[in-house]
Structures are given as structure tokens and as C-alpha cells.
Amino acid sequence: MYFDLSISIDRSPEDVFGFLRDKDKYPQEPGSPVLVLDLTTPGPAGVGTRYREVVRMLPLVRGEIHSVITDFEPGRRLAEDFEGAGMVGHLEYRFEPEGEGTRLTQRESVQTTGFARLLGPMMQPALGRQLRKRLEAIKAVLDAAGRNPLEHPQPRQGDGGEERRRPPDPTREQAEAPSSWDLLPLSRSGLRCQGGRCGRVVP
């Protein structure tokens, strides 16, 4: 399966890149199929950064997906390979200036493995629709954030000036961030973006 989608967002390429770069920092919407999203490597995001996700495949079936960033060009390109839950694939985001905003392009290839191959023909149209909804949700969040100043920037800083990363906790049932496999729209209010960083405003 191959998907090539794009959308226009009223934010700079740096802001859009920053939002997707920091995917492990944002709370998950109730009902999301992503139950857990953990950063499993230390330090700031870059080539080689790895993530672990637990996703709900069916009401009583869960799967684990592991991904690794393979390309990291701030404000231009972000890509990762992923595998697990009967799937192997590659995801690429490109960020191109468009007027005062950004043209975000998502290219994603997915191969099903094992038993999931039987579901491949049925999965493609449904997954395509969900990926489109996902891009529209990203646009809605960032466009809304762009109309307000950033008052509580991310990432959080530790005592030593480095990002504080929580170690993986497989017992958690709620993820802290949207991901490429989050098939539900984002509607988190209070998000503000500025200078390539996004965060929630603390009342």
C-alpha cells in the first residue's frame, strides 16, 4: 500500500516540523487506538531516535509497533521506518514553504505481514481515509495555535538544561502523544506554536 497526501497549513515549516518532531510530548485523545507511545532512546530527537507504541488493532486485540527516525532535516524533511502489528513500512513528511505557511506532504508505504496480509485489500481504503483525517486534524490544531502566542513552550527542560524523557512504562494505558499511527483526529485545545515549538497554555 502506498499513500501520497498533502495539505496546506497556516504555520511556518519550522513550526510544523517541530510539532511532528515532538510527537512523544502531547497527550492522547480519549478513544485513540494508540494506548502507549514511549521514546526509547535518550537525548533530543534525531536520526536513530526510536519509539515504541502499543496500539489497539481490534476491540480485544493489541499490537506493538517499533519505529526509528531515518531522516531528520529541520524544517524540510522527517522520515521513519516502522514495523510490528503485522505491518512494515516507511513514513516521510516533507515541509515546503507556501506563501506565509507550509505545504505538508506525507508519503507512506505499508506492507502487511503474516495473517494481516489477508486484510490488506480491505485496509487500504480505510487507512487512506484515516491518514487524510489525520493531516486535517494536524492542520486544525496548528492553524488554531498560530492565532495565539506561545506561553508555555515545549520541550520541558530538566535541571541540567536537557530534555527530560520519561522511561518506557508498559503498564500505562494512555499515550502522551499523537503518532503516525494515531488514526483519530486531534482536537486538543490550548496548544500554541511559535519558533518551531508547540505547547499547551497553562491557565
N, C-alpha and C. Protein backbone atom coordinates (compact mmCIF):
# COMPACT_ATOMS: atom_id res chain seq x y z
N MET A 1 0.84 -1.19 0.00
CA MET A 1 0.00 0.00 0.00
C MET A 1 0.88 1.24 0.00
N TYR A 2 0.46 2.23 -0.76
CA TYR A 2 1.23 3.47 -0.83
C TYR A 2 0.27 4.65 -0.79
N PHE A 3 0.63 5.66 -0.01
CA PHE A 3 -0.21 6.84 0.16
C PHE A 3 0.63 8.09 -0.08
N ASP A 4 0.09 9.04 -0.81
CA ASP A 4 0.76 10.31 -1.09
C ASP A 4 -0.26 11.41 -0.87
N LEU A 5 -0.16 12.11 0.25
CA LEU A 5 -1.14 13.10 0.66
C LEU A 5 -0.45 14.42 0.98
N SER A 6 -1.17 15.52 0.86
CA SER A 6 -0.59 16.80 1.24
C SER A 6 -1.70 17.74 1.70
N ILE A 7 -1.29 18.75 2.46
CA ILE A 7 -2.24 19.73 2.99
C ILE A 7 -1.51 21.03 3.26
N SER A 8 -2.23 22.14 3.16
CA SER A 8 -1.66 23.46 3.43
C SER A 8 -1.95 23.85 4.87
N ILE A 9 -0.93 24.31 5.58
CA ILE A 9 -1.07 24.69 6.98
C ILE A 9 -0.58 26.13 7.18
N ASP A 10 -1.32 26.88 7.94
CA ASP A 10 -1.01 28.30 8.14
C ASP A 10 0.01 28.50 9.26
N ARG A 11 1.13 27.77 9.16
CA ARG A 11 2.24 27.91 10.09
C ARG A 11 3.54 27.73 9.31
N SER A 12 4.63 28.18 9.88
CA SER A 12 5.92 28.07 9.20
C SER A 12 6.36 26.62 9.13
N PRO A 13 7.24 26.27 8.17
CA PRO A 13 7.78 24.91 8.12
C PRO A 13 8.45 24.50 9.43
N GLU A 14 9.09 25.45 10.12
CA GLU A 14 9.76 25.13 11.38
C GLU A 14 8.74 24.73 12.45
N ASP A 15 7.59 25.44 12.49
CA ASP A 15 6.57 25.11 13.49
C ASP A 15 5.94 23.74 13.21
N VAL A 16 5.64 23.47 11.95
CA VAL A 16 5.02 22.19 11.60
C VAL A 16 6.01 21.04 11.88
N PHE A 17 7.26 21.24 11.50
CA PHE A 17 8.29 20.24 11.77
C PHE A 17 8.41 20.00 13.28
N GLY A 18 8.43 21.08 14.06
CA GLY A 18 8.57 20.95 15.50
C GLY A 18 7.44 20.17 16.13
N PHE A 19 6.23 20.37 15.63
CA PHE A 19 5.09 19.64 16.17
C PHE A 19 5.23 18.14 15.94
N LEU A 20 5.63 17.74 14.73
CA LEU A 20 5.77 16.32 14.42
C LEU A 20 7.03 15.73 15.05
N ARG A 21 8.06 16.53 15.18
CA ARG A 21 9.29 16.07 15.84
C ARG A 21 9.03 15.69 17.30
N ASP A 22 8.17 16.46 17.96
CA ASP A 22 7.93 16.28 19.39
C ASP A 22 6.68 15.45 19.66
N LYS A 23 6.41 14.48 18.81
CA LYS A 23 5.16 13.71 18.91
C LYS A 23 5.00 12.97 20.22
N ASP A 24 6.09 12.68 20.92
CA ASP A 24 6.00 11.94 22.18
C ASP A 24 5.64 12.82 23.35
N LYS A 25 5.42 14.12 23.14
CA LYS A 25 5.19 15.04 24.25
C LYS A 25 3.73 15.43 24.44
N TYR A 26 2.85 15.05 23.51
CA TYR A 26 1.48 15.55 23.56
C TYR A 26 0.51 14.50 24.07
N PRO A 27 -0.48 14.91 24.89
CA PRO A 27 -1.48 13.97 25.41
C PRO A 27 -2.29 13.34 24.29
N GLN A 28 -2.78 12.14 24.55
CA GLN A 28 -3.57 11.41 23.58
C GLN A 28 -5.05 11.67 23.78
N GLU A 29 -5.79 11.78 22.69
CA GLU A 29 -7.22 11.96 22.79
C GLU A 29 -7.91 10.70 23.31
N PRO A 30 -8.95 10.84 24.13
CA PRO A 30 -9.71 9.67 24.57
C PRO A 30 -10.24 8.90 23.35
N GLY A 31 -10.14 7.59 23.41
CA GLY A 31 -10.63 6.76 22.32
C GLY A 31 -9.60 6.50 21.24
N SER A 32 -8.41 7.08 21.36
CA SER A 32 -7.38 6.86 20.35
C SER A 32 -6.94 5.40 20.35
N PRO A 33 -6.61 4.84 19.18
CA PRO A 33 -6.10 3.47 19.14
C PRO A 33 -4.69 3.36 19.70
N VAL A 34 -3.99 4.49 19.86
CA VAL A 34 -2.64 4.46 20.43
C VAL A 34 -2.77 4.50 21.96
N LEU A 35 -2.43 3.38 22.60
CA LEU A 35 -2.56 3.28 24.04
C LEU A 35 -1.30 3.75 24.76
N VAL A 36 -0.15 3.51 24.16
CA VAL A 36 1.13 3.89 24.76
C VAL A 36 2.06 4.36 23.65
N LEU A 37 2.80 5.45 23.90
CA LEU A 37 3.85 5.88 22.99
C LEU A 37 5.04 6.30 23.83
N ASP A 38 6.12 5.55 23.71
CA ASP A 38 7.31 5.81 24.51
C ASP A 38 8.51 6.12 23.63
N LEU A 39 9.27 7.11 24.02
CA LEU A 39 10.58 7.34 23.44
C LEU A 39 11.54 6.36 24.11
N THR A 40 12.26 5.56 23.34
CA THR A 40 13.10 4.53 23.95
C THR A 40 14.59 4.81 23.82
N THR A 41 14.96 5.97 23.30
CA THR A 41 16.37 6.37 23.23
C THR A 41 16.53 7.72 23.92
N PRO A 42 17.68 7.98 24.54
CA PRO A 42 17.89 9.23 25.27
C PRO A 42 18.22 10.40 24.33
N GLY A 43 18.10 11.61 24.87
CA GLY A 43 18.51 12.78 24.12
C GLY A 43 17.42 13.33 23.20
N PRO A 44 17.70 14.45 22.54
CA PRO A 44 16.73 15.06 21.63
C PRO A 44 16.51 14.21 20.40
N ALA A 45 15.39 14.43 19.73
CA ALA A 45 15.04 13.65 18.54
C ALA A 45 16.03 13.91 17.41
N GLY A 46 16.32 12.87 16.64
CA GLY A 46 17.22 12.95 15.50
C GLY A 46 17.32 11.59 14.85
N VAL A 47 18.19 11.46 13.85
CA VAL A 47 18.37 10.17 13.20
C VAL A 47 18.77 9.13 14.23
N GLY A 48 18.08 7.99 14.22
CA GLY A 48 18.35 6.93 15.17
C GLY A 48 17.42 6.93 16.37
N THR A 49 16.67 8.00 16.59
CA THR A 49 15.70 8.04 17.69
C THR A 49 14.65 6.96 17.47
N ARG A 50 14.34 6.23 18.55
CA ARG A 50 13.41 5.11 18.45
C ARG A 50 12.20 5.32 19.36
N TYR A 51 11.08 4.76 18.90
CA TYR A 51 9.83 4.84 19.65
C TYR A 51 9.20 3.45 19.75
N ARG A 52 8.45 3.27 20.80
CA ARG A 52 7.64 2.07 20.96
C ARG A 52 6.20 2.48 21.16
N GLU A 53 5.29 1.87 20.41
CA GLU A 53 3.88 2.16 20.53
C GLU A 53 3.09 0.89 20.76
N VAL A 54 2.06 0.99 21.58
CA VAL A 54 1.08 -0.08 21.73
C VAL A 54 -0.23 0.46 21.17
N VAL A 55 -0.77 -0.24 20.18
CA VAL A 55 -1.97 0.23 19.50
C VAL A 55 -3.08 -0.81 19.61
N ARG A 56 -4.31 -0.33 19.64
CA ARG A 56 -5.47 -1.22 19.65
C ARG A 56 -5.84 -1.52 18.21
N MET A 57 -5.65 -2.78 17.80
CA MET A 57 -5.96 -3.19 16.45
C MET A 57 -7.45 -3.49 16.29
N LEU A 58 -8.00 -4.20 17.28
CA LEU A 58 -9.41 -4.55 17.35
C LEU A 58 -9.83 -4.36 18.80
N PRO A 59 -11.13 -4.41 19.12
CA PRO A 59 -11.56 -4.15 20.50
C PRO A 59 -10.80 -4.95 21.55
N LEU A 60 -10.43 -6.19 21.27
CA LEU A 60 -9.73 -7.02 22.25
C LEU A 60 -8.34 -7.43 21.79
N VAL A 61 -7.84 -6.78 20.75
CA VAL A 61 -6.54 -7.15 20.20
C VAL A 61 -5.62 -5.93 20.19
N ARG A 62 -4.43 -6.10 20.75
CA ARG A 62 -3.44 -5.02 20.77
C ARG A 62 -2.18 -5.47 20.04
N GLY A 63 -1.46 -4.52 19.49
CA GLY A 63 -0.22 -4.82 18.81
C GLY A 63 0.85 -3.81 19.19
N GLU A 64 2.11 -4.20 19.05
CA GLU A 64 3.23 -3.32 19.40
C GLU A 64 3.98 -2.94 18.13
N ILE A 65 4.26 -1.65 17.97
CA ILE A 65 4.96 -1.14 16.80
C ILE A 65 6.23 -0.42 17.26
N HIS A 66 7.32 -0.70 16.58
CA HIS A 66 8.60 -0.03 16.85
C HIS A 66 8.99 0.79 15.62
N SER A 67 9.43 2.02 15.87
CA SER A 67 9.82 2.90 14.77
C SER A 67 11.14 3.56 15.07
N VAL A 68 11.83 4.00 14.00
CA VAL A 68 13.12 4.67 14.15
C VAL A 68 13.20 5.79 13.11
N ILE A 69 13.67 6.95 13.54
CA ILE A 69 13.83 8.07 12.62
C ILE A 69 15.02 7.79 11.70
N THR A 70 14.79 7.92 10.40
CA THR A 70 15.84 7.63 9.41
C THR A 70 16.35 8.88 8.70
N ASP A 71 15.54 9.93 8.66
CA ASP A 71 15.96 11.20 8.05
C ASP A 71 15.44 12.34 8.91
N PHE A 72 16.29 13.34 9.15
CA PHE A 72 15.95 14.42 10.06
C PHE A 72 16.58 15.70 9.55
N GLU A 73 15.81 16.51 8.80
CA GLU A 73 16.26 17.78 8.27
C GLU A 73 15.31 18.86 8.77
N PRO A 74 15.64 19.55 9.86
CA PRO A 74 14.72 20.51 10.47
C PRO A 74 14.11 21.48 9.46
N GLY A 75 12.79 21.55 9.50
CA GLY A 75 12.06 22.46 8.62
C GLY A 75 11.93 21.97 7.19
N ARG A 76 12.48 20.78 6.89
CA ARG A 76 12.44 20.30 5.50
C ARG A 76 11.92 18.88 5.35
N ARG A 77 12.45 17.96 6.17
CA ARG A 77 12.11 16.55 5.96
C ARG A 77 12.26 15.77 7.26
N LEU A 78 11.30 14.84 7.47
CA LEU A 78 11.32 13.96 8.63
C LEU A 78 10.79 12.60 8.19
N ALA A 79 11.55 11.54 8.43
CA ALA A 79 11.13 10.21 7.96
C ALA A 79 11.46 9.16 8.99
N GLU A 80 10.72 8.06 8.95
CA GLU A 80 10.96 6.96 9.87
C GLU A 80 10.54 5.64 9.25
N ASP A 81 11.18 4.56 9.69
CA ASP A 81 10.78 3.20 9.37
C ASP A 81 10.03 2.65 10.57
N PHE A 82 9.06 1.77 10.31
CA PHE A 82 8.31 1.17 11.41
C PHE A 82 7.99 -0.27 11.08
N GLU A 83 7.79 -1.06 12.13
CA GLU A 83 7.39 -2.45 11.96
C GLU A 83 6.71 -2.94 13.22
N GLY A 84 5.83 -3.94 13.01
CA GLY A 84 5.10 -4.52 14.13
C GLY A 84 3.62 -4.58 13.83
N ALA A 85 2.90 -5.35 14.63
CA ALA A 85 1.44 -5.48 14.48
C ALA A 85 1.06 -5.91 13.07
N GLY A 86 1.88 -6.77 12.45
CA GLY A 86 1.57 -7.26 11.12
C GLY A 86 1.85 -6.29 10.00
N MET A 87 2.67 -5.26 10.27
CA MET A 87 2.95 -4.24 9.26
C MET A 87 4.43 -3.86 9.26
N VAL A 88 4.94 -3.53 8.08
CA VAL A 88 6.28 -2.98 7.92
C VAL A 88 6.14 -1.81 6.96
N GLY A 89 6.78 -0.69 7.27
CA GLY A 89 6.58 0.44 6.37
C GLY A 89 7.57 1.58 6.57
N HIS A 90 7.36 2.61 5.77
CA HIS A 90 8.19 3.81 5.79
C HIS A 90 7.27 5.02 5.69
N LEU A 91 7.54 6.01 6.52
CA LEU A 91 6.75 7.24 6.56
C LEU A 91 7.67 8.43 6.35
N GLU A 92 7.27 9.34 5.46
CA GLU A 92 8.07 10.53 5.20
C GLU A 92 7.18 11.76 5.20
N TYR A 93 7.62 12.81 5.90
CA TYR A 93 6.98 14.12 5.86
C TYR A 93 7.94 15.09 5.17
N ARG A 94 7.40 15.91 4.28
CA ARG A 94 8.16 16.99 3.66
C ARG A 94 7.46 18.32 3.96
N PHE A 95 8.28 19.34 4.24
CA PHE A 95 7.77 20.65 4.64
C PHE A 95 8.27 21.68 3.63
N GLU A 96 7.34 22.28 2.88
CA GLU A 96 7.72 23.24 1.85
C GLU A 96 7.02 24.56 2.10
N PRO A 97 7.75 25.69 2.03
CA PRO A 97 7.11 26.99 2.19
C PRO A 97 6.02 27.19 1.14
N GLU A 98 4.91 27.74 1.57
CA GLU A 98 3.80 28.02 0.65
C GLU A 98 3.16 29.33 1.10
N GLY A 99 3.51 30.44 0.43
CA GLY A 99 3.07 31.74 0.90
C GLY A 99 3.66 32.00 2.27
N GLU A 100 2.78 32.30 3.24
CA GLU A 100 3.24 32.51 4.61
C GLU A 100 3.09 31.24 5.46
N GLY A 101 2.72 30.15 4.81
CA GLY A 101 2.51 28.90 5.54
C GLY A 101 3.38 27.77 5.01
N THR A 102 2.84 26.56 5.11
CA THR A 102 3.59 25.35 4.77
C THR A 102 2.73 24.37 3.99
N ARG A 103 3.30 23.77 2.98
CA ARG A 103 2.68 22.63 2.31
C ARG A 103 3.30 21.38 2.94
N LEU A 104 2.50 20.65 3.73
CA LEU A 104 2.95 19.42 4.37
C LEU A 104 2.56 18.23 3.50
N THR A 105 3.55 17.46 3.08
CA THR A 105 3.31 16.27 2.26
C THR A 105 3.67 15.03 3.06
N GLN A 106 2.77 14.07 3.05
CA GLN A 106 3.01 12.80 3.74
C GLN A 106 3.02 11.68 2.71
N ARG A 107 4.13 10.95 2.66
CA ARG A 107 4.23 9.78 1.80
C ARG A 107 4.48 8.57 2.69
N GLU A 108 3.67 7.55 2.53
CA GLU A 108 3.75 6.40 3.42
C GLU A 108 3.54 5.10 2.64
N SER A 109 4.44 4.17 2.84
CA SER A 109 4.29 2.84 2.24
C SER A 109 4.13 1.82 3.36
N VAL A 110 3.22 0.89 3.17
CA VAL A 110 2.90 -0.10 4.19
C VAL A 110 2.80 -1.47 3.53
N GLN A 111 3.46 -2.44 4.12
CA GLN A 111 3.32 -3.83 3.70
C GLN A 111 2.79 -4.64 4.87
N THR A 112 1.80 -5.46 4.62
CA THR A 112 1.28 -6.32 5.66
C THR A 112 2.06 -7.63 5.68
N THR A 113 2.18 -8.22 6.85
CA THR A 113 2.92 -9.47 7.01
C THR A 113 2.06 -10.48 7.75
N GLY A 114 2.39 -11.76 7.58
CA GLY A 114 1.69 -12.80 8.29
C GLY A 114 0.21 -12.81 8.00
N PHE A 115 -0.58 -13.04 9.06
CA PHE A 115 -2.03 -13.13 8.91
C PHE A 115 -2.63 -11.82 8.39
N ALA A 116 -1.98 -10.69 8.69
CA ALA A 116 -2.52 -9.39 8.28
C ALA A 116 -2.58 -9.24 6.76
N ARG A 117 -1.84 -10.06 6.03
CA ARG A 117 -1.89 -10.00 4.56
C ARG A 117 -3.30 -10.24 4.04
N LEU A 118 -4.06 -11.06 4.74
CA LEU A 118 -5.42 -11.36 4.31
C LEU A 118 -6.31 -10.12 4.38
N LEU A 119 -5.94 -9.18 5.22
CA LEU A 119 -6.75 -7.97 5.41
C LEU A 119 -6.27 -6.81 4.55
N GLY A 120 -5.14 -6.98 3.86
CA GLY A 120 -4.55 -5.89 3.09
C GLY A 120 -5.51 -5.18 2.16
N PRO A 121 -6.24 -5.90 1.29
CA PRO A 121 -7.14 -5.23 0.35
C PRO A 121 -8.23 -4.41 1.03
N MET A 122 -8.64 -4.84 2.21
CA MET A 122 -9.68 -4.09 2.93
C MET A 122 -9.10 -2.92 3.70
N MET A 123 -7.84 -3.03 4.08
CA MET A 123 -7.22 -1.99 4.90
C MET A 123 -6.90 -0.72 4.13
N GLN A 124 -6.53 -0.85 2.85
CA GLN A 124 -6.02 0.31 2.12
C GLN A 124 -7.00 1.49 2.05
N PRO A 125 -8.25 1.30 1.61
CA PRO A 125 -9.14 2.47 1.56
C PRO A 125 -9.43 3.06 2.93
N ALA A 126 -9.58 2.19 3.93
CA ALA A 126 -9.87 2.70 5.28
C ALA A 126 -8.67 3.46 5.83
N LEU A 127 -7.47 2.93 5.63
CA LEU A 127 -6.27 3.60 6.13
C LEU A 127 -6.05 4.92 5.41
N GLY A 128 -6.31 4.94 4.10
CA GLY A 128 -6.17 6.20 3.35
C GLY A 128 -7.07 7.28 3.89
N ARG A 129 -8.32 6.93 4.21
CA ARG A 129 -9.25 7.92 4.76
C ARG A 129 -8.78 8.42 6.12
N GLN A 130 -8.27 7.52 6.93
CA GLN A 130 -7.83 7.92 8.26
C GLN A 130 -6.56 8.79 8.21
N LEU A 131 -5.65 8.48 7.28
CA LEU A 131 -4.46 9.32 7.14
C LEU A 131 -4.83 10.73 6.71
N ARG A 132 -5.84 10.85 5.81
CA ARG A 132 -6.31 12.17 5.40
C ARG A 132 -6.92 12.92 6.59
N LYS A 133 -7.71 12.23 7.38
CA LYS A 133 -8.28 12.86 8.57
C LYS A 133 -7.19 13.31 9.53
N ARG A 134 -6.14 12.51 9.60
CA ARG A 134 -5.03 12.85 10.48
C ARG A 134 -4.36 14.15 10.05
N LEU A 135 -4.10 14.30 8.75
CA LEU A 135 -3.50 15.54 8.26
C LEU A 135 -4.42 16.74 8.51
N GLU A 136 -5.71 16.54 8.31
CA GLU A 136 -6.65 17.63 8.54
C GLU A 136 -6.68 18.02 10.02
N ALA A 137 -6.53 17.02 10.90
CA ALA A 137 -6.50 17.31 12.33
C ALA A 137 -5.24 18.08 12.71
N ILE A 138 -4.09 17.69 12.13
CA ILE A 138 -2.85 18.42 12.39
C ILE A 138 -2.99 19.87 11.94
N LYS A 139 -3.57 20.07 10.77
CA LYS A 139 -3.79 21.43 10.25
C LYS A 139 -4.68 22.23 11.21
N ALA A 140 -5.77 21.62 11.68
CA ALA A 140 -6.69 22.34 12.55
C ALA A 140 -6.01 22.77 13.85
N VAL A 141 -5.21 21.87 14.43
CA VAL A 141 -4.52 22.21 15.68
C VAL A 141 -3.51 23.31 15.48
N LEU A 142 -2.67 23.19 14.43
CA LEU A 142 -1.61 24.17 14.22
C LEU A 142 -2.15 25.51 13.73
N ASP A 143 -3.18 25.50 12.89
CA ASP A 143 -3.76 26.76 12.44
C ASP A 143 -4.35 27.52 13.63
N ALA A 144 -5.03 26.79 14.52
CA ALA A 144 -5.61 27.43 15.70
C ALA A 144 -4.52 27.93 16.63
N ALA A 145 -3.46 27.14 16.80
CA ALA A 145 -2.36 27.54 17.67
C ALA A 145 -1.66 28.77 17.13
N GLY A 146 -1.61 28.90 15.82
CA GLY A 146 -0.91 30.01 15.22
C GLY A 146 -1.56 31.35 15.46
N ARG A 147 -2.82 31.34 15.89
CA ARG A 147 -3.51 32.60 16.13
C ARG A 147 -3.27 33.15 17.53
N ASN A 148 -2.47 32.43 18.33
CA ASN A 148 -2.21 32.84 19.71
C ASN A 148 -0.73 32.71 20.01
N PRO A 149 -0.20 33.54 20.91
CA PRO A 149 1.23 33.44 21.26
C PRO A 149 1.51 32.20 22.08
N LEU A 150 2.71 31.71 22.01
CA LEU A 150 3.15 30.57 22.79
C LEU A 150 3.50 31.03 24.20
N GLU A 151 2.77 30.53 25.20
CA GLU A 151 3.00 30.97 26.57
C GLU A 151 3.66 29.90 27.42
N HIS A 152 3.58 28.65 26.98
CA HIS A 152 4.17 27.56 27.76
C HIS A 152 4.87 26.62 26.78
N PRO A 153 6.08 26.97 26.33
CA PRO A 153 6.74 26.22 25.27
C PRO A 153 7.17 24.83 25.68
N GLN A 154 7.20 23.93 24.68
CA GLN A 154 7.79 22.60 24.81
C GLN A 154 9.08 22.62 23.99
N PRO A 155 10.06 21.76 24.24
CA PRO A 155 10.01 20.69 25.24
C PRO A 155 10.30 21.17 26.64
N ARG A 156 9.91 20.36 27.61
CA ARG A 156 10.22 20.68 29.00
C ARG A 156 11.72 20.55 29.21
N GLN A 157 12.25 21.32 30.13
CA GLN A 157 13.68 21.32 30.40
C GLN A 157 13.97 20.77 31.79
N GLY A 158 15.00 19.95 31.88
CA GLY A 158 15.42 19.41 33.17
C GLY A 158 16.36 20.37 33.87
N ASP A 159 16.82 19.96 35.03
CA ASP A 159 17.70 20.81 35.81
C ASP A 159 18.99 21.12 35.09
N GLY A 160 19.44 20.18 34.24
CA GLY A 160 20.70 20.38 33.53
C GLY A 160 20.53 21.00 32.17
N GLY A 161 19.31 21.47 31.85
CA GLY A 161 19.08 22.11 30.56
C GLY A 161 18.83 21.12 29.45
N GLU A 162 18.74 19.82 29.76
CA GLU A 162 18.46 18.82 28.76
C GLU A 162 17.02 18.39 28.87
N GLU A 163 16.48 17.84 27.80
CA GLU A 163 15.10 17.41 27.79
C GLU A 163 14.92 16.28 28.79
N ARG A 164 13.81 16.35 29.51
CA ARG A 164 13.50 15.29 30.45
C ARG A 164 12.68 14.24 29.73
N ARG A 165 13.16 13.03 29.68
CA ARG A 165 12.49 11.94 28.99
C ARG A 165 12.06 10.90 30.01
N ARG A 166 10.78 10.54 30.01
CA ARG A 166 10.28 9.53 30.92
C ARG A 166 10.60 8.15 30.37
N PRO A 167 11.14 7.24 31.19
CA PRO A 167 11.45 5.90 30.70
C PRO A 167 10.19 5.15 30.32
N PRO A 168 10.29 4.16 29.42
CA PRO A 168 9.12 3.40 28.99
C PRO A 168 8.43 2.74 30.18
N ASP A 169 7.10 2.77 30.18
CA ASP A 169 6.30 2.13 31.21
C ASP A 169 5.21 1.32 30.54
N PRO A 170 5.41 0.01 30.35
CA PRO A 170 4.44 -0.81 29.63
C PRO A 170 3.10 -0.93 30.32
N THR A 171 2.97 -0.46 31.57
CA THR A 171 1.70 -0.57 32.28
C THR A 171 0.78 0.59 31.97
N ARG A 172 1.31 1.63 31.33
CA ARG A 172 0.47 2.78 31.04
C ARG A 172 -0.54 2.44 29.97
N GLU A 173 -1.75 2.89 30.15
CA GLU A 173 -2.81 2.61 29.19
C GLU A 173 -3.14 3.83 28.33
N GLN A 174 -2.56 4.98 28.71
CA GLN A 174 -2.82 6.18 27.94
C GLN A 174 -1.52 6.71 27.37
N ALA A 175 -1.50 7.00 26.10
CA ALA A 175 -0.31 7.55 25.49
C ALA A 175 -0.22 9.03 25.80
N GLU A 176 0.97 9.60 25.57
CA GLU A 176 1.17 11.01 25.82
C GLU A 176 1.33 11.81 24.54
N ALA A 177 1.21 11.19 23.39
CA ALA A 177 1.47 11.94 22.18
C ALA A 177 0.80 11.33 20.98
N PRO A 178 0.43 12.16 19.97
CA PRO A 178 -0.04 11.62 18.72
C PRO A 178 1.11 11.03 17.93
N SER A 179 0.82 10.13 17.03
CA SER A 179 1.86 9.50 16.24
C SER A 179 1.35 9.23 14.85
N SER A 180 2.26 8.70 14.02
CA SER A 180 1.87 8.39 12.66
C SER A 180 0.79 7.32 12.61
N TRP A 181 0.62 6.55 13.69
CA TRP A 181 -0.40 5.51 13.72
C TRP A 181 -1.62 5.93 14.50
N ASP A 182 -1.68 7.18 14.94
CA ASP A 182 -2.88 7.69 15.60
C ASP A 182 -3.88 8.01 14.52
N LEU A 183 -4.92 7.19 14.38
CA LEU A 183 -5.85 7.35 13.28
C LEU A 183 -7.04 8.23 13.63
N LEU A 184 -7.06 8.80 14.83
CA LEU A 184 -8.15 9.67 15.21
C LEU A 184 -7.69 11.12 15.18
N PRO A 185 -8.61 12.06 14.83
CA PRO A 185 -8.21 13.47 14.75
C PRO A 185 -7.78 14.02 16.10
N LEU A 186 -6.93 15.02 16.05
CA LEU A 186 -6.54 15.75 17.25
C LEU A 186 -7.50 16.90 17.44
N SER A 187 -7.88 17.17 18.67
CA SER A 187 -8.71 18.34 18.94
C SER A 187 -8.29 18.97 20.26
N ARG A 188 -7.03 18.77 20.62
CA ARG A 188 -6.54 19.29 21.89
C ARG A 188 -6.56 20.81 21.89
N SER A 189 -7.26 21.40 22.83
CA SER A 189 -7.35 22.85 22.90
C SER A 189 -6.18 23.40 23.69
N GLY A 190 -5.93 24.69 23.52
CA GLY A 190 -4.90 25.34 24.30
C GLY A 190 -3.50 25.16 23.77
N LEU A 191 -3.33 24.61 22.56
CA LEU A 191 -2.00 24.42 22.00
C LEU A 191 -1.56 25.71 21.31
N ARG A 192 -0.32 26.11 21.54
CA ARG A 192 0.22 27.32 20.94
C ARG A 192 1.56 26.98 20.30
N CYS A 193 1.86 27.58 19.16
CA CYS A 193 3.11 27.30 18.46
C CYS A 193 3.85 28.58 18.14
N GLN A 194 5.18 28.50 18.24
CA GLN A 194 6.00 29.66 17.92
C GLN A 194 7.44 29.22 17.77
N GLY A 195 8.10 29.64 16.70
CA GLY A 195 9.51 29.39 16.53
C GLY A 195 9.88 27.92 16.49
N GLY A 196 9.02 27.09 15.90
CA GLY A 196 9.32 25.67 15.78
C GLY A 196 9.01 24.85 17.03
N ARG A 197 8.36 25.48 18.04
CA ARG A 197 7.99 24.75 19.23
C ARG A 197 6.50 24.90 19.48
N CYS A 198 5.88 23.84 19.98
CA CYS A 198 4.45 23.86 20.29
C CYS A 198 4.27 23.42 21.73
N GLY A 199 3.26 24.00 22.38
CA GLY A 199 2.98 23.60 23.75
C GLY A 199 1.59 24.03 24.15
N ARG A 200 1.16 23.57 25.31
CA ARG A 200 -0.15 23.94 25.82
C ARG A 200 -0.03 25.11 26.77
N VAL A 201 -0.99 26.01 26.71
CA VAL A 201 -1.01 27.16 27.61
C VAL A 201 -1.51 26.72 28.98
N VAL A 202 -0.80 27.09 30.00
CA VAL A 202 -1.23 26.81 31.37
C VAL A 202 -2.11 27.96 31.84
N PRO A 203 -3.37 27.69 32.18
CA PRO A 203 -4.26 28.80 32.60
C PRO A 203 -3.71 29.54 33.79
